[in-house]
Amino acid sequence: MSPEERPTFSSAQIVYGQIVYWVTILACIMCMIGPLIAMSSAENNVGNPHYLFASIFAGDDAETVWNKVAGGFPGGHFWAKNFTKGDGFTQLGLALGCSVALWALIVAAFLYMREKVYLYVALSLWVALLVFLSASGVVSGGH
């Protein structure tokens, strides 16, 4: 394909892709470092990783696992109060990776605003709102 035939992309699309790419890389690195912290310092966790893995490999359900390792489930966003702990840092990396579209869509919406593509501004903000509501737990598909 010659350079004349290649499609052009708006700056919002390029920046969206770059944000998704680099934030995902950061989240992956965090999710690799967190377990190292968790295993090297078992007492610096919300739940003891030695009991955690033993309980998981024994086939226990999620409620039983959390009761054994932490005295109960600490909440869906326990990383917010425990991000210096190994498992909290890992969960922060997971939350960041799962919400990467939110951050990229917010920036893309501003760039679409600058380009005066208001339909894409509205769609970007709408999808960002849906991601936020889902990630915050306001809207969930669970029981």
C-alpha atoms as a PDB file:
ATOM      1  CA  MET A   1       0.000   0.000   0.000  1.00  0.00           C
ATOM      2  CA  SER A   2       1.455   3.338  -0.981  1.00  0.00           C
ATOM      3  CA  PRO A   3       1.559   6.281   1.442  1.00  0.00           C
ATOM      4  CA  GLU A   4      -1.173   7.995  -0.585  1.00  0.00           C
ATOM      5  CA  GLU A   5      -3.532   5.022  -0.088  1.00  0.00           C
ATOM      6  CA  ARG A   6      -3.036   4.659   3.659  1.00  0.00           C
ATOM      7  CA  PRO A   7      -5.928   5.808   5.814  1.00  0.00           C
ATOM      8  CA  THR A   8      -5.382   8.815   8.013  1.00  0.00           C
ATOM      9  CA  PHE A   9      -6.190   8.807  11.698  1.00  0.00           C
ATOM     10  CA  SER A  10      -7.187  11.706  13.888  1.00  0.00           C
ATOM     11  CA  SER A  11      -4.926  12.730  16.741  1.00  0.00           C
ATOM     12  CA  ALA A  12      -7.607  11.518  19.177  1.00  0.00           C
ATOM     13  CA  GLN A  13      -7.411   7.995  17.762  1.00  0.00           C
ATOM     14  CA  ILE A  14      -3.620   7.936  17.873  1.00  0.00           C
ATOM     15  CA  VAL A  15      -3.467   9.299  21.423  1.00  0.00           C
ATOM     16  CA  TYR A  16      -6.190   6.862  22.544  1.00  0.00           C
ATOM     17  CA  GLY A  17      -4.115   3.962  21.211  1.00  0.00           C
ATOM     18  CA  GLN A  18      -0.923   5.222  22.834  1.00  0.00           C
ATOM     19  CA  ILE A  19      -2.606   5.652  26.218  1.00  0.00           C
ATOM     20  CA  VAL A  20      -4.126   2.171  26.062  1.00  0.00           C
ATOM     21  CA  TYR A  21      -0.772   0.700  25.039  1.00  0.00           C
ATOM     22  CA  TRP A  22       1.427   2.370  27.664  1.00  0.00           C
ATOM     23  CA  VAL A  23      -1.000   2.184  30.578  1.00  0.00           C
ATOM     24  CA  THR A  24      -1.519  -1.510  29.836  1.00  0.00           C
ATOM     25  CA  ILE A  25       2.257  -2.027  29.882  1.00  0.00           C
ATOM     26  CA  LEU A  26       2.433  -0.180  33.231  1.00  0.00           C
ATOM     27  CA  ALA A  27      -0.418  -2.278  34.642  1.00  0.00           C
ATOM     28  CA  CYS A  28       1.320  -5.483  33.538  1.00  0.00           C
ATOM     29  CA  ILE A  29       4.548  -4.437  35.225  1.00  0.00           C
ATOM     30  CA  MET A  30       2.652  -3.614  38.415  1.00  0.00           C
ATOM     31  CA  CYS A  31       0.955  -7.017  38.292  1.00  0.00           C
ATOM     32  CA  MET A  32       4.360  -8.697  38.008  1.00  0.00           C
ATOM     33  CA  ILE A  33       5.926  -6.706  40.852  1.00  0.00           C
ATOM     34  CA  GLY A  34       2.983  -7.083  43.261  1.00  0.00           C
ATOM     35  CA  PRO A  35       3.265 -10.866  43.642  1.00  0.00           C
ATOM     36  CA  LEU A  36       7.027 -10.527  44.189  1.00  0.00           C
ATOM     37  CA  ILE A  37       6.325  -8.136  47.057  1.00  0.00           C
ATOM     38  CA  ALA A  38       3.579 -10.436  48.338  1.00  0.00           C
ATOM     39  CA  MET A  39       5.765 -13.552  48.358  1.00  0.00           C
ATOM     40  CA  SER A  40       8.947 -11.896  49.651  1.00  0.00           C
ATOM     41  CA  SER A  41       7.124 -10.267  52.559  1.00  0.00           C
ATOM     42  CA  ALA A  42       4.126 -12.436  53.464  1.00  0.00           C
ATOM     43  CA  GLU A  43       3.215 -10.295  56.480  1.00  0.00           C
ATOM     44  CA  ASN A  44       2.938  -7.211  54.233  1.00  0.00           C
ATOM     45  CA  ASN A  45      -0.349  -8.314  52.634  1.00  0.00           C
ATOM     46  CA  VAL A  46      -4.045  -8.092  53.291  1.00  0.00           C
ATOM     47  CA  GLY A  47      -4.190 -11.889  53.087  1.00  0.00           C
ATOM     48  CA  ASN A  48      -1.327 -14.284  53.758  1.00  0.00           C
ATOM     49  CA  PRO A  49      -0.235 -15.580  50.315  1.00  0.00           C
ATOM     50  CA  HIS A  50       0.884 -18.948  51.684  1.00  0.00           C
ATOM     51  CA  TYR A  51      -2.608 -19.712  52.986  1.00  0.00           C
ATOM     52  CA  LEU A  52      -4.154 -18.086  49.919  1.00  0.00           C
ATOM     53  CA  PHE A  53      -2.481 -20.391  47.417  1.00  0.00           C
ATOM     54  CA  ALA A  54      -2.991 -23.469  49.602  1.00  0.00           C
ATOM     55  CA  SER A  55      -6.696 -22.675  49.905  1.00  0.00           C
ATOM     56  CA  ILE A  56      -7.083 -22.009  46.173  1.00  0.00           C
ATOM     57  CA  PHE A  57      -5.271 -25.236  45.236  1.00  0.00           C
ATOM     58  CA  ALA A  58      -7.443 -27.126  47.749  1.00  0.00           C
ATOM     59  CA  GLY A  59     -10.452 -26.061  45.660  1.00  0.00           C
ATOM     60  CA  ASP A  60     -12.065 -23.771  48.230  1.00  0.00           C
ATOM     61  CA  ASP A  61     -14.656 -21.272  47.024  1.00  0.00           C
ATOM     62  CA  ALA A  62     -13.917 -17.522  47.127  1.00  0.00           C
ATOM     63  CA  GLU A  63     -15.720 -16.906  50.423  1.00  0.00           C
ATOM     64  CA  THR A  64     -13.819 -19.703  52.164  1.00  0.00           C
ATOM     65  CA  VAL A  65     -10.497 -18.502  50.749  1.00  0.00           C
ATOM     66  CA  TRP A  66     -11.026 -14.940  51.999  1.00  0.00           C
ATOM     67  CA  ASN A  67     -12.196 -16.128  55.400  1.00  0.00           C
ATOM     68  CA  LYS A  68      -9.054 -18.246  55.787  1.00  0.00           C
ATOM     69  CA  VAL A  69      -6.526 -15.640  54.645  1.00  0.00           C
ATOM     70  CA  ALA A  70      -7.976 -12.310  55.742  1.00  0.00           C
ATOM     71  CA  GLY A  71     -10.908 -12.963  58.055  1.00  0.00           C
ATOM     72  CA  GLY A  72     -13.353 -12.083  55.276  1.00  0.00           C
ATOM     73  CA  PHE A  73     -13.428 -10.272  51.972  1.00  0.00           C
ATOM     74  CA  PRO A  74     -11.958  -6.756  52.433  1.00  0.00           C
ATOM     75  CA  GLY A  75     -13.975  -5.205  49.593  1.00  0.00           C
ATOM     76  CA  GLY A  76     -13.626  -4.821  45.859  1.00  0.00           C
ATOM     77  CA  HIS A  77     -11.311  -1.828  46.061  1.00  0.00           C
ATOM     78  CA  PHE A  78      -9.201  -2.811  49.055  1.00  0.00           C
ATOM     79  CA  TRP A  79      -6.135  -1.595  47.158  1.00  0.00           C
ATOM     80  CA  ALA A  80      -7.143   2.015  47.920  1.00  0.00           C
ATOM     81  CA  LYS A  81      -6.191   1.592  51.587  1.00  0.00           C
ATOM     82  CA  ASN A  82      -3.535  -1.092  51.036  1.00  0.00           C
ATOM     83  CA  PHE A  83      -1.600  -0.172  47.890  1.00  0.00           C
ATOM     84  CA  THR A  84       1.735  -0.448  49.703  1.00  0.00           C
ATOM     85  CA  LYS A  85       1.017  -4.108  50.443  1.00  0.00           C
ATOM     86  CA  GLY A  86       1.837  -6.797  47.892  1.00  0.00           C
ATOM     87  CA  ASP A  87      -1.702  -7.888  47.148  1.00  0.00           C
ATOM     88  CA  GLY A  88      -2.999  -4.310  47.288  1.00  0.00           C
ATOM     89  CA  PHE A  89      -0.363  -3.193  44.773  1.00  0.00           C
ATOM     90  CA  THR A  90      -1.284  -6.114  42.509  1.00  0.00           C
ATOM     91  CA  GLN A  91      -4.966  -5.221  42.717  1.00  0.00           C
ATOM     92  CA  LEU A  92      -4.118  -1.584  41.889  1.00  0.00           C
ATOM     93  CA  GLY A  93      -2.350  -2.854  38.747  1.00  0.00           C
ATOM     94  CA  LEU A  94      -5.404  -4.956  37.860  1.00  0.00           C
ATOM     95  CA  ALA A  95      -7.761  -2.016  38.429  1.00  0.00           C
ATOM     96  CA  LEU A  96      -5.567   0.226  36.308  1.00  0.00           C
ATOM     97  CA  GLY A  97      -5.430  -2.325  33.497  1.00  0.00           C
ATOM     98  CA  CYS A  98      -9.175  -2.931  33.584  1.00  0.00           C
ATOM     99  CA  SER A  99      -9.956   0.785  33.538  1.00  0.00           C
ATOM    100  CA  VAL A 100      -7.459   1.792  30.847  1.00  0.00           C
ATOM    101  CA  ALA A 101     -10.246   2.579  28.365  1.00  0.00           C
ATOM    102  CA  LEU A 102     -11.693   5.111  30.825  1.00  0.00           C
ATOM    103  CA  TRP A 103      -8.503   7.183  30.955  1.00  0.00           C
ATOM    104  CA  ALA A 104      -7.942   6.971  27.207  1.00  0.00           C
ATOM    105  CA  LEU A 105     -11.562   7.896  26.409  1.00  0.00           C
ATOM    106  CA  ILE A 106     -11.444  11.003  28.614  1.00  0.00           C
ATOM    107  CA  VAL A 107      -8.366  12.279  26.783  1.00  0.00           C
ATOM    108  CA  ALA A 108      -9.854  11.304  23.406  1.00  0.00           C
ATOM    109  CA  ALA A 109     -13.046  13.229  24.228  1.00  0.00           C
ATOM    110  CA  PHE A 110     -11.037  16.404  24.831  1.00  0.00           C
ATOM    111  CA  LEU A 111      -9.126  15.901  21.595  1.00  0.00           C
ATOM    112  CA  TYR A 112     -12.370  15.302  19.677  1.00  0.00           C
ATOM    113  CA  MET A 113     -13.710  18.498  21.258  1.00  0.00           C
ATOM    114  CA  ARG A 114     -10.702  20.364  19.900  1.00  0.00           C
ATOM    115  CA  GLU A 115     -11.358  18.813  16.468  1.00  0.00           C
ATOM    116  CA  LYS A 116     -15.065  19.777  16.809  1.00  0.00           C
ATOM    117  CA  VAL A 117     -16.324  16.220  16.285  1.00  0.00           C
ATOM    118  CA  TYR A 118     -19.085  16.496  18.862  1.00  0.00           C
ATOM    119  CA  LEU A 119     -20.713  13.141  18.166  1.00  0.00           C
ATOM    120  CA  TYR A 120     -17.433  11.400  19.068  1.00  0.00           C
ATOM    121  CA  VAL A 121     -17.084  13.628  22.144  1.00  0.00           C
ATOM    122  CA  ALA A 122     -20.505  12.478  23.338  1.00  0.00           C
ATOM    123  CA  LEU A 123     -19.840   8.821  22.509  1.00  0.00           C
ATOM    124  CA  SER A 124     -16.418   8.891  24.203  1.00  0.00           C
ATOM    125  CA  LEU A 125     -17.845  10.408  27.358  1.00  0.00           C
ATOM    126  CA  TRP A 126     -20.816   8.005  27.334  1.00  0.00           C
ATOM    127  CA  VAL A 127     -18.597   4.930  27.110  1.00  0.00           C
ATOM    128  CA  ALA A 128     -16.202   6.415  29.706  1.00  0.00           C
ATOM    129  CA  LEU A 129     -19.183   6.843  32.039  1.00  0.00           C
ATOM    130  CA  LEU A 130     -20.222   3.223  31.489  1.00  0.00           C
ATOM    131  CA  VAL A 131     -16.677   2.019  32.247  1.00  0.00           C
ATOM    132  CA  PHE A 132     -16.576   4.188  35.375  1.00  0.00           C
ATOM    133  CA  LEU A 133     -19.937   2.964  36.650  1.00  0.00           C
ATOM    134  CA  SER A 134     -18.919  -0.637  36.076  1.00  0.00           C
ATOM    135  CA  ALA A 135     -15.446  -0.276  37.610  1.00  0.00           C
ATOM    136  CA  SER A 136     -16.766   1.569  40.661  1.00  0.00           C
ATOM    137  CA  GLY A 137     -19.332  -1.145  41.321  1.00  0.00           C
ATOM    138  CA  VAL A 138     -22.349   1.135  40.879  1.00  0.00           C
ATOM    139  CA  VAL A 139     -23.510  -1.032  37.985  1.00  0.00           C
ATOM    140  CA  SER A 140     -22.681  -4.730  38.060  1.00  0.00           C
ATOM    141  CA  GLY A 141     -23.811  -7.894  36.405  1.00  0.00           C
ATOM    142  CA  GLY A 142     -23.245  -9.977  39.523  1.00  0.00           C
ATOM    143  CA  HIS A 143     -25.647 -11.107  42.194  1.00  0.00           C
END
